Amino acid sequence: MKLKQSIDKVPGGLMVVPLLAGALLNTIDQLHLPLIMDFLKGLGVAANADGNYEFLKIGGFTQALFKDGALTLCALFLFCAGSQMNLRVGGKALKKGVLLTTSKYLAGFIVGMVWGMLSDPVHGFLGLSTMAIIAAMTNGNGGMFAALTGQYGNRSDVGATAVLSLNDGPFFTLMALGMMGANFPLIAFVAVLLPILIGMILGNLDNEIRTFLAAGESLVIPFFAFALGAGMNLASFFNPEVVGAGIVLAVMTVILSGGAMVLTFKLFREKSFIAPWAEASTAGNAVATPAAIAAAATVAAGSGLMTAAEAEVYQGLVAVASAQISIATITTALLVPVAVILADKYQKKRGIDGKVEFHETGKKARGNATVEENIV
């Protein structure tokens, strides 16, 4: 059976498929079917506090990995992802990476803030929270970006991937929520950032460490995805409001964040816009952001900078926001390649090849064309 190949055919499949599998098993658990509970009871499984028996709560390594391990596995993922953040980036690649990262972040931040102001930051229009919007819009799919810029872009476009990897994880979302008034203490930022920072330092100090940890960046994803799904109900994915909100979130990510990045490239006189459209996606690992934010809120509540009720609001958003971001991940994975192909065709009609590193200015190009015509 070629299960891995089948999973890879699904956009964001390494994250989405295990997430749905975990949600399916948890949904069955929550039905508390007598046949299943009798079976578990017969095996000697201990009853929960509510007197029910569940597959994912049988204790031991099984429960630790598949039910309770989401945060630990997510932290390991962030550590491994940090180790792949290369600080040695070429000048033009660095410029593009900074432009893309900054403009994508600002687009997500502004849209999330305005959305919350016009409706409600927790349950806004279509049930979209500010947290879900910022998490989805500020974190792009690095693998898709590298693949699309490798096919349609130039070397500095591909090289920008090293800088774009900085938006992996929940830190930017946490920072945005802090700027919008959420009282996260400094230690909450440190607690989220530290695994990334330690991984980044080790990866840049020693290439062998970076190579060793590279496998962990993808290896851990299906495990923490399943554990996240194990806290969700599959009904969320068939809720028309959640599906509609996820699709709207995807469209906003492609059009608004993509448009913001294109505008920024224009302001800085870049000729090709392949990279901005290639980055206008939602990363599969953004699905883990709501859980990480909820964990930071728990730290804030423990330090007294946030009430227990405020922390519970973030914890209550995890399931819905994760489902919405999952849908946005799948939808942008379908929309972004189309946007890149259309941008490439449009540029070529205007004489701009995305694979060319440096393009001559209009005046110089016209002068060269005149010389060539005279020679002919």
Protein backbone atom coordinates (compact mmCIF):
# COMPACT_ATOMS: atom_id res chain seq x y z
CA MET A 1 0.00 0.00 0.00
CA LYS A 2 1.33 3.43 -0.97
CA LEU A 3 -0.23 5.39 1.89
CA LYS A 4 2.41 8.14 1.92
CA GLN A 5 1.92 8.84 -1.78
CA SER A 6 -1.84 9.04 -1.28
CA ILE A 7 -1.42 11.45 1.64
CA ASP A 8 0.95 13.63 -0.37
CA LYS A 9 -1.72 14.05 -3.06
CA VAL A 10 -3.88 15.92 -0.55
CA PRO A 11 -2.93 19.62 -0.23
CA GLY A 12 -1.20 19.94 3.15
CA GLY A 13 -1.86 16.22 3.54
CA LEU A 14 0.92 15.51 6.03
CA MET A 15 -0.86 17.83 8.45
CA VAL A 16 -4.49 17.59 7.38
CA VAL A 17 -4.94 13.80 7.00
CA PRO A 18 -3.63 12.87 10.50
CA LEU A 19 -5.61 15.78 11.95
CA LEU A 20 -8.82 14.43 10.42
CA ALA A 21 -7.93 10.89 11.55
CA GLY A 22 -7.49 12.10 15.13
CA ALA A 23 -10.74 14.06 14.94
CA LEU A 24 -12.56 10.98 13.57
CA LEU A 25 -11.37 8.75 16.38
CA ASN A 26 -12.16 11.40 18.98
CA THR A 27 -15.63 11.88 17.47
CA ILE A 28 -16.29 8.14 17.80
CA ASP A 29 -15.03 8.30 21.40
CA GLN A 30 -17.40 11.16 22.20
CA LEU A 31 -20.39 9.17 20.94
CA HIS A 32 -19.82 6.75 23.85
CA LEU A 33 -21.22 3.81 21.93
CA PRO A 34 -22.12 0.94 24.33
CA LEU A 35 -20.45 -1.72 22.15
CA ILE A 36 -17.12 0.13 22.13
CA MET A 37 -17.28 1.04 25.80
CA ASP A 38 -18.03 -2.56 26.77
CA PHE A 39 -15.06 -3.69 24.68
CA LEU A 40 -12.73 -1.19 26.37
CA LYS A 41 -14.08 -2.07 29.79
CA GLY A 42 -13.43 -5.74 29.04
CA LEU A 43 -9.80 -4.89 28.28
CA GLY A 44 -9.48 -3.35 31.73
CA VAL A 45 -9.45 0.31 30.66
CA ALA A 46 -10.11 2.68 33.55
CA ALA A 47 -13.23 4.86 33.30
CA ASN A 48 -12.91 8.62 32.84
CA ALA A 49 -14.11 11.09 35.45
CA ASP A 50 -17.51 11.10 33.72
CA GLY A 51 -17.70 7.29 33.88
CA ASN A 52 -17.14 6.71 30.15
CA TYR A 53 -14.47 4.67 28.34
CA GLU A 54 -12.51 6.06 25.37
CA PHE A 55 -9.92 4.71 22.92
CA LEU A 56 -7.69 7.75 23.36
CA LYS A 57 -7.76 7.69 27.14
CA ILE A 58 -6.39 4.28 27.99
CA GLY A 59 -3.29 5.70 29.70
CA GLY A 60 0.35 4.82 29.14
CA PHE A 61 2.36 5.74 26.06
CA THR A 62 -0.72 5.57 23.84
CA GLN A 63 -2.55 8.39 25.60
CA ALA A 64 0.66 10.37 26.07
CA LEU A 65 1.45 10.29 22.35
CA PHE A 66 -1.91 10.35 20.61
CA LYS A 67 -4.07 12.37 23.02
CA ASP A 68 -1.97 14.46 25.37
CA GLY A 69 1.21 15.00 23.34
CA ALA A 70 0.18 17.89 21.07
CA LEU A 71 2.10 20.66 22.84
CA THR A 72 5.26 18.61 23.42
CA LEU A 73 5.33 17.44 19.80
CA CYS A 74 4.56 20.96 18.56
CA ALA A 75 7.50 22.28 20.61
CA LEU A 76 9.77 19.62 19.07
CA PHE A 77 8.58 20.66 15.61
CA LEU A 78 9.38 24.32 16.35
CA PHE A 79 12.84 23.33 17.60
CA CYS A 80 13.57 21.38 14.40
CA ALA A 81 12.09 24.13 12.20
CA GLY A 82 14.27 26.70 13.95
CA SER A 83 17.38 24.67 13.15
CA GLN A 84 16.63 25.06 9.43
CA MET A 85 16.52 28.88 9.56
CA ASN A 86 19.65 29.80 7.67
CA LEU A 87 21.18 33.18 8.62
CA ARG A 88 23.59 33.11 5.68
CA VAL A 89 21.42 34.57 2.94
CA GLY A 90 22.51 36.42 -0.21
CA GLY A 91 21.80 40.15 -0.45
CA LYS A 92 18.96 40.06 -2.98
CA ALA A 93 17.44 36.94 -1.42
CA LEU A 94 17.62 38.64 1.99
CA LYS A 95 15.88 41.74 0.61
CA LYS A 96 13.07 39.72 -0.94
CA GLY A 97 12.68 37.57 2.17
CA VAL A 98 12.37 40.62 4.42
CA LEU A 99 9.89 42.32 2.05
CA LEU A 100 7.72 39.21 1.80
CA THR A 101 7.79 38.40 5.51
CA THR A 102 7.07 41.98 6.59
CA SER A 103 4.27 42.69 4.10
CA LYS A 104 2.56 39.32 4.64
CA TYR A 105 2.67 39.84 8.40
CA LEU A 106 1.31 43.39 8.20
CA ALA A 107 -1.47 42.29 5.85
CA GLY A 108 -2.58 39.54 8.25
CA PHE A 109 -2.27 41.82 11.26
CA ILE A 110 -4.28 44.67 9.71
CA VAL A 111 -7.01 42.40 8.32
CA GLY A 112 -7.32 40.60 11.66
CA MET A 113 -7.45 43.86 13.60
CA VAL A 114 -10.04 45.47 11.29
CA TRP A 115 -12.13 42.27 11.21
CA GLY A 116 -12.19 42.23 15.01
CA MET A 117 -13.01 45.93 15.28
CA LEU A 118 -15.91 45.70 12.81
CA SER A 119 -17.39 42.57 14.35
CA ASP A 120 -15.90 40.75 17.33
CA PRO A 121 -12.32 39.60 17.96
CA VAL A 122 -13.50 36.24 19.32
CA HIS A 123 -16.58 35.38 17.26
CA GLY A 124 -16.49 37.77 14.33
CA PHE A 125 -18.19 37.64 10.93
CA LEU A 126 -18.66 34.02 9.79
CA GLY A 127 -17.32 32.88 13.17
CA LEU A 128 -13.77 33.96 12.28
CA SER A 129 -11.66 35.11 15.22
CA THR A 130 -8.84 37.61 15.00
CA MET A 131 -6.47 34.85 16.12
CA ALA A 132 -7.51 32.52 13.27
CA ILE A 133 -7.13 35.27 10.67
CA ILE A 134 -3.67 36.35 11.80
CA ALA A 135 -2.46 32.75 12.23
CA ALA A 136 -3.60 31.78 8.72
CA MET A 137 -2.60 34.92 6.83
CA THR A 138 0.88 35.44 8.31
CA ASN A 139 2.22 31.91 7.89
CA GLY A 140 2.93 30.74 4.34
CA ASN A 141 3.58 27.25 3.00
CA GLY A 142 7.37 27.16 2.65
CA GLY A 143 7.42 23.93 0.67
CA MET A 144 4.95 25.26 -1.89
CA PHE A 145 6.86 28.56 -2.10
CA ALA A 146 10.14 26.75 -2.81
CA ALA A 147 8.50 24.51 -5.42
CA LEU A 148 6.72 27.33 -7.27
CA THR A 149 9.64 29.78 -7.23
CA GLY A 150 11.93 26.95 -8.29
CA GLN A 151 9.75 26.37 -11.36
CA TYR A 152 8.67 29.92 -12.23
CA GLY A 153 11.05 32.20 -10.30
CA ASN A 154 14.76 32.95 -10.05
CA ARG A 155 17.51 32.10 -7.57
CA SER A 156 16.90 35.01 -5.20
CA ASP A 157 13.19 34.10 -5.09
CA VAL A 158 14.09 30.59 -3.96
CA GLY A 159 16.73 31.94 -1.57
CA ALA A 160 14.11 34.06 0.20
CA THR A 161 12.79 30.81 1.69
CA ALA A 162 15.48 31.05 4.38
CA VAL A 163 14.02 34.33 5.69
CA LEU A 164 10.41 33.27 5.21
CA SER A 165 11.02 30.35 7.55
CA LEU A 166 10.98 32.93 10.37
CA ASN A 167 7.18 33.02 10.17
CA ASP A 168 6.96 29.32 11.08
CA GLY A 169 5.19 28.84 14.38
CA PRO A 170 2.97 30.97 16.61
CA PHE A 171 5.38 33.75 17.57
CA PHE A 172 4.18 36.37 15.05
CA THR A 173 0.54 35.66 15.94
CA LEU A 174 1.33 35.96 19.64
CA MET A 175 3.14 39.24 19.00
CA ALA A 176 0.18 40.61 17.01
CA LEU A 177 -2.32 39.70 19.73
CA GLY A 178 -0.04 41.38 22.27
CA MET A 179 0.02 44.58 20.20
CA MET A 180 -3.77 44.45 20.02
CA GLY A 181 -4.08 44.53 23.80
CA ALA A 182 -3.85 40.91 24.96
CA ASN A 183 -1.82 40.87 28.17
CA PHE A 184 0.73 38.17 27.46
CA PRO A 185 3.72 38.45 29.83
CA LEU A 186 7.27 38.46 28.52
CA ILE A 187 7.73 34.90 29.74
CA ALA A 188 4.88 33.76 27.44
CA PHE A 189 6.83 35.08 24.44
CA VAL A 190 10.04 33.51 25.71
CA ALA A 191 8.28 30.18 26.29
CA VAL A 192 7.05 30.12 22.69
CA LEU A 193 10.21 31.51 21.09
CA LEU A 194 12.86 29.60 23.05
CA PRO A 195 12.60 26.22 21.21
CA ILE A 196 12.84 28.05 17.85
CA LEU A 197 15.73 30.21 19.05
CA ILE A 198 17.76 27.32 20.49
CA GLY A 199 17.18 25.28 17.31
CA MET A 200 18.20 28.25 15.13
CA ILE A 201 21.43 28.81 17.11
CA LEU A 202 22.42 25.14 16.99
CA GLY A 203 21.54 24.81 13.30
CA ASN A 204 23.66 27.82 12.36
CA LEU A 205 26.59 26.79 14.57
CA ASP A 206 26.88 23.31 13.09
CA ASN A 207 25.75 22.08 9.68
CA GLU A 208 25.73 18.50 10.92
CA ILE A 209 23.23 19.41 13.63
CA ARG A 210 21.06 21.15 11.03
CA THR A 211 21.17 18.07 8.83
CA PHE A 212 20.43 15.79 11.79
CA LEU A 213 17.37 17.86 12.83
CA ALA A 214 16.07 18.39 9.28
CA ALA A 215 14.13 15.13 9.32
CA GLY A 216 12.33 16.17 12.51
CA GLU A 217 10.74 19.14 10.76
CA SER A 218 8.52 16.83 8.70
CA LEU A 219 8.63 13.68 10.84
CA VAL A 220 6.88 15.28 13.83
CA ILE A 221 4.08 16.94 11.84
CA PRO A 222 1.68 13.96 11.49
CA PHE A 223 2.08 13.11 15.18
CA PHE A 224 1.22 16.52 16.58
CA ALA A 225 -1.47 16.87 13.91
CA PHE A 226 -3.14 13.65 15.10
CA ALA A 227 -2.90 14.79 18.73
CA LEU A 228 -4.47 18.14 17.82
CA GLY A 229 -7.24 16.32 15.96
CA ALA A 230 -7.80 14.14 19.02
CA GLY A 231 -9.11 17.22 20.77
CA MET A 232 -11.57 18.07 17.99
CA ASN A 233 -14.93 16.81 16.85
CA LEU A 234 -15.22 15.83 13.18
CA ALA A 235 -18.59 17.57 13.04
CA SER A 236 -16.66 20.87 13.02
CA PHE A 237 -15.36 20.12 9.53
CA PHE A 238 -18.89 19.53 8.21
CA ASN A 239 -20.30 22.65 9.83
CA PRO A 240 -21.25 24.97 6.93
CA GLU A 241 -20.16 28.01 8.94
CA VAL A 242 -16.71 26.56 9.59
CA VAL A 243 -16.28 25.47 5.97
CA GLY A 244 -17.48 28.83 4.67
CA ALA A 245 -15.25 30.70 7.09
CA GLY A 246 -12.23 28.59 6.08
CA ILE A 247 -12.82 29.25 2.38
CA VAL A 248 -13.26 33.00 2.99
CA LEU A 249 -10.07 32.95 5.06
CA ALA A 250 -8.25 31.26 2.17
CA VAL A 251 -9.50 33.80 -0.39
CA MET A 252 -8.48 36.69 1.88
CA THR A 253 -5.05 35.13 2.35
CA VAL A 254 -4.45 34.76 -1.39
CA ILE A 255 -5.90 38.09 -2.52
CA LEU A 256 -5.07 40.42 0.38
CA SER A 257 -1.72 39.05 1.54
CA GLY A 258 -0.69 38.33 -2.08
CA GLY A 259 -1.77 41.81 -3.14
CA ALA A 260 0.11 43.42 -0.24
CA MET A 261 3.30 41.56 -1.15
CA VAL A 262 2.98 42.51 -4.84
CA LEU A 263 2.48 46.18 -3.88
CA THR A 264 5.56 46.03 -1.65
CA PHE A 265 7.62 44.54 -4.48
CA LYS A 266 6.43 47.34 -6.77
CA LEU A 267 7.42 49.99 -4.21
CA PHE A 268 10.90 48.50 -4.06
CA ARG A 269 11.12 48.28 -7.86
CA GLU A 270 11.09 44.51 -8.25
CA LYS A 271 9.97 43.52 -11.74
CA SER A 272 8.81 39.93 -11.21
CA PHE A 273 5.94 39.12 -8.85
CA ILE A 274 6.21 35.34 -8.84
CA ALA A 275 7.50 35.25 -5.25
CA PRO A 276 4.63 37.30 -3.72
CA TRP A 277 1.95 35.08 -5.24
CA ALA A 278 3.91 31.92 -4.36
CA GLU A 279 3.89 33.04 -0.70
CA ALA A 280 0.15 33.90 -0.62
CA SER A 281 -0.80 30.63 1.08
CA THR A 282 -1.57 29.25 4.52
CA ALA A 283 0.93 26.75 5.93
CA GLY A 284 -0.24 23.44 7.31
CA ASN A 285 1.71 24.06 10.50
CA ALA A 286 -0.43 27.16 11.15
CA VAL A 287 -3.08 24.69 12.35
CA ALA A 288 -0.97 24.25 15.48
CA THR A 289 -0.92 27.99 16.28
CA PRO A 290 -4.27 28.18 18.16
CA ALA A 291 -3.11 25.44 20.56
CA ALA A 292 0.20 27.24 21.15
CA ILE A 293 -1.61 30.54 21.79
CA ALA A 294 -3.93 28.80 24.25
CA ALA A 295 -0.86 27.45 26.07
CA ALA A 296 0.62 30.96 26.23
CA ALA A 297 -2.70 32.24 27.61
CA THR A 298 -2.48 29.63 30.37
CA VAL A 299 0.98 30.97 31.27
CA ALA A 300 -0.43 34.52 31.28
CA ALA A 301 -3.29 33.48 33.57
CA GLY A 302 -0.82 31.82 35.93
CA SER A 303 1.24 35.03 36.16
CA GLY A 304 -1.82 37.17 36.88
CA LEU A 305 -1.63 39.27 33.69
CA MET A 306 -4.71 37.58 32.29
CA THR A 307 -7.80 36.31 34.07
CA ALA A 308 -8.72 32.65 33.97
CA ALA A 309 -11.84 33.59 31.99
CA GLU A 310 -9.75 35.39 29.35
CA ALA A 311 -7.44 32.38 29.06
CA GLU A 312 -10.45 30.09 28.64
CA VAL A 313 -11.58 32.19 25.65
CA TYR A 314 -8.36 31.30 23.79
CA GLN A 315 -8.64 27.67 24.85
CA GLY A 316 -12.23 27.55 23.60
CA LEU A 317 -11.16 28.82 20.17
CA VAL A 318 -8.65 26.03 19.51
CA ALA A 319 -11.00 23.49 17.89
CA VAL A 320 -12.91 25.90 15.62
CA ALA A 321 -9.88 27.99 14.64
CA SER A 322 -7.84 24.85 13.88
CA ALA A 323 -10.63 23.53 11.65
CA GLN A 324 -10.95 26.87 9.82
CA ILE A 325 -7.19 27.08 9.26
CA SER A 326 -7.14 23.46 8.01
CA ILE A 327 -9.72 24.35 5.37
CA ALA A 328 -7.77 27.50 4.47
CA THR A 329 -4.60 25.40 4.09
CA ILE A 330 -6.26 23.04 1.60
CA THR A 331 -7.97 25.85 -0.33
CA THR A 332 -4.87 28.06 -0.67
CA ALA A 333 -2.88 25.01 -1.80
CA LEU A 334 -5.29 24.84 -4.76
CA LEU A 335 -5.53 28.60 -5.42
CA VAL A 336 -1.89 29.72 -5.10
CA PRO A 337 -0.45 27.62 -7.98
CA VAL A 338 -3.20 29.04 -10.23
CA ALA A 339 -2.32 32.58 -9.11
CA VAL A 340 1.38 31.97 -9.87
CA ILE A 341 0.65 30.55 -13.33
CA LEU A 342 -1.60 33.52 -14.18
CA ALA A 343 1.02 35.98 -12.90
CA ASP A 344 3.71 34.26 -14.96
CA LYS A 345 1.60 34.48 -18.16
CA TYR A 346 0.77 38.15 -17.48
CA GLN A 347 4.42 39.03 -16.89
CA LYS A 348 5.65 37.25 -20.01
CA LYS A 349 3.17 39.22 -22.13
CA ARG A 350 4.86 42.35 -20.74
CA GLY A 351 8.33 40.98 -21.52
CA ILE A 352 9.23 39.96 -17.97
CA ASP A 353 10.54 36.45 -17.39
CA GLY A 354 10.30 35.40 -13.75
CA LYS A 355 13.37 33.19 -14.13
CA VAL A 356 15.59 36.15 -15.03
CA GLU A 357 17.41 37.53 -11.99
CA PHE A 358 17.90 41.12 -13.15
CA HIS A 359 15.64 43.02 -15.54
CA GLU A 360 16.74 46.15 -17.38
CA THR A 361 14.86 49.38 -16.79
CA GLY A 362 12.27 50.35 -19.38
CA LYS A 363 14.36 53.14 -20.89
CA LYS A 364 17.49 51.02 -21.20
CA ALA A 365 15.54 48.09 -22.59
CA ARG A 366 13.93 50.30 -25.25
CA GLY A 367 17.37 51.65 -26.17
CA ASN A 368 18.75 48.14 -26.61
CA ALA A 369 15.75 47.18 -28.72
CA THR A 370 16.35 50.19 -31.01
CA VAL A 371 20.02 49.22 -31.47
CA GLU A 372 19.03 45.64 -32.32
CA GLU A 373 16.45 46.89 -34.85
CA ASN A 374 19.09 49.13 -36.52
CA ILE A 375 21.52 46.21 -36.76
CA VAL A 376 18.85 44.07 -38.40
